[in-house]
Amino acid sequence: MEQSGLSGLPEKRMGEKGDAGAIRDISGRRFCWISGLTKGTRPANWYGDWWLQVAHLSSGSGAMHRVNDRRAVVLLCPLVHECHVNDSERIAEKKIGGRSYPTIDASHLLWIKQIMDPGFYDPEFYSRIWTGSPPDPKRPPAYWMNMLFENTGLSL
C-alpha cells in the first residue's frame, strides 16, 4: 500500500481511532491547525485534559456522514474543538473558562484543511459524504488566525 509523505499512513485512510500523531505539518511539528496551540501550550483558563485531537470537519449535527478517513478530519486542540459548532453565524461565540471565543464551523475547517493538508483535501469526496452540499470554504475568524500566527509564525 502506498504511504503518505506527511503521515506514514496508507493513502486516504486513518486508523479506527484516528491517532492525532497521524496528521502533521510538513515540518513534523504537531499543532492545532486553527490556533497553533500544541500539546504543551494549554491556555491558562483551560482546566480539562489537554491533547491534540482528530476532529471531523462537521460538528456532528448530521450534516456529514462520520467516516474515519483522513480527508474528513483536521487536527484541533480541545479549546478549538469545543468552539466547533454547526453554524458559526447563528452561534458566533462560546463562553469557555469564563472567556468568550469565536466559534468555527465546517466552512472554516474546509478552508484550513485545503491549506494544512492539501493532499487530502477532496471536494468530490465531501460532496458524497455531506448531507446536501458541503459549505464553501471560508477563512476562520481573525482571532484564530492571529493566534495561529502568534503560535506558529504562519500567516494565512
Foldseek 3Di string as FASTA:
>chain_A
DDADQAFRDPPFAAPPQRDQQRADFNVSARAALQQLHAQPRDDPLDDDHKHKDWAFLALPPQQFADDRTPLGTGIHIPVLNVLEDADCVVVQWDQGSNDIDGHDYSLQVLQSCCVRPVVSHDLVVRCVGGDHHRDHRDHDDPVRQVSSCVNPVDRD
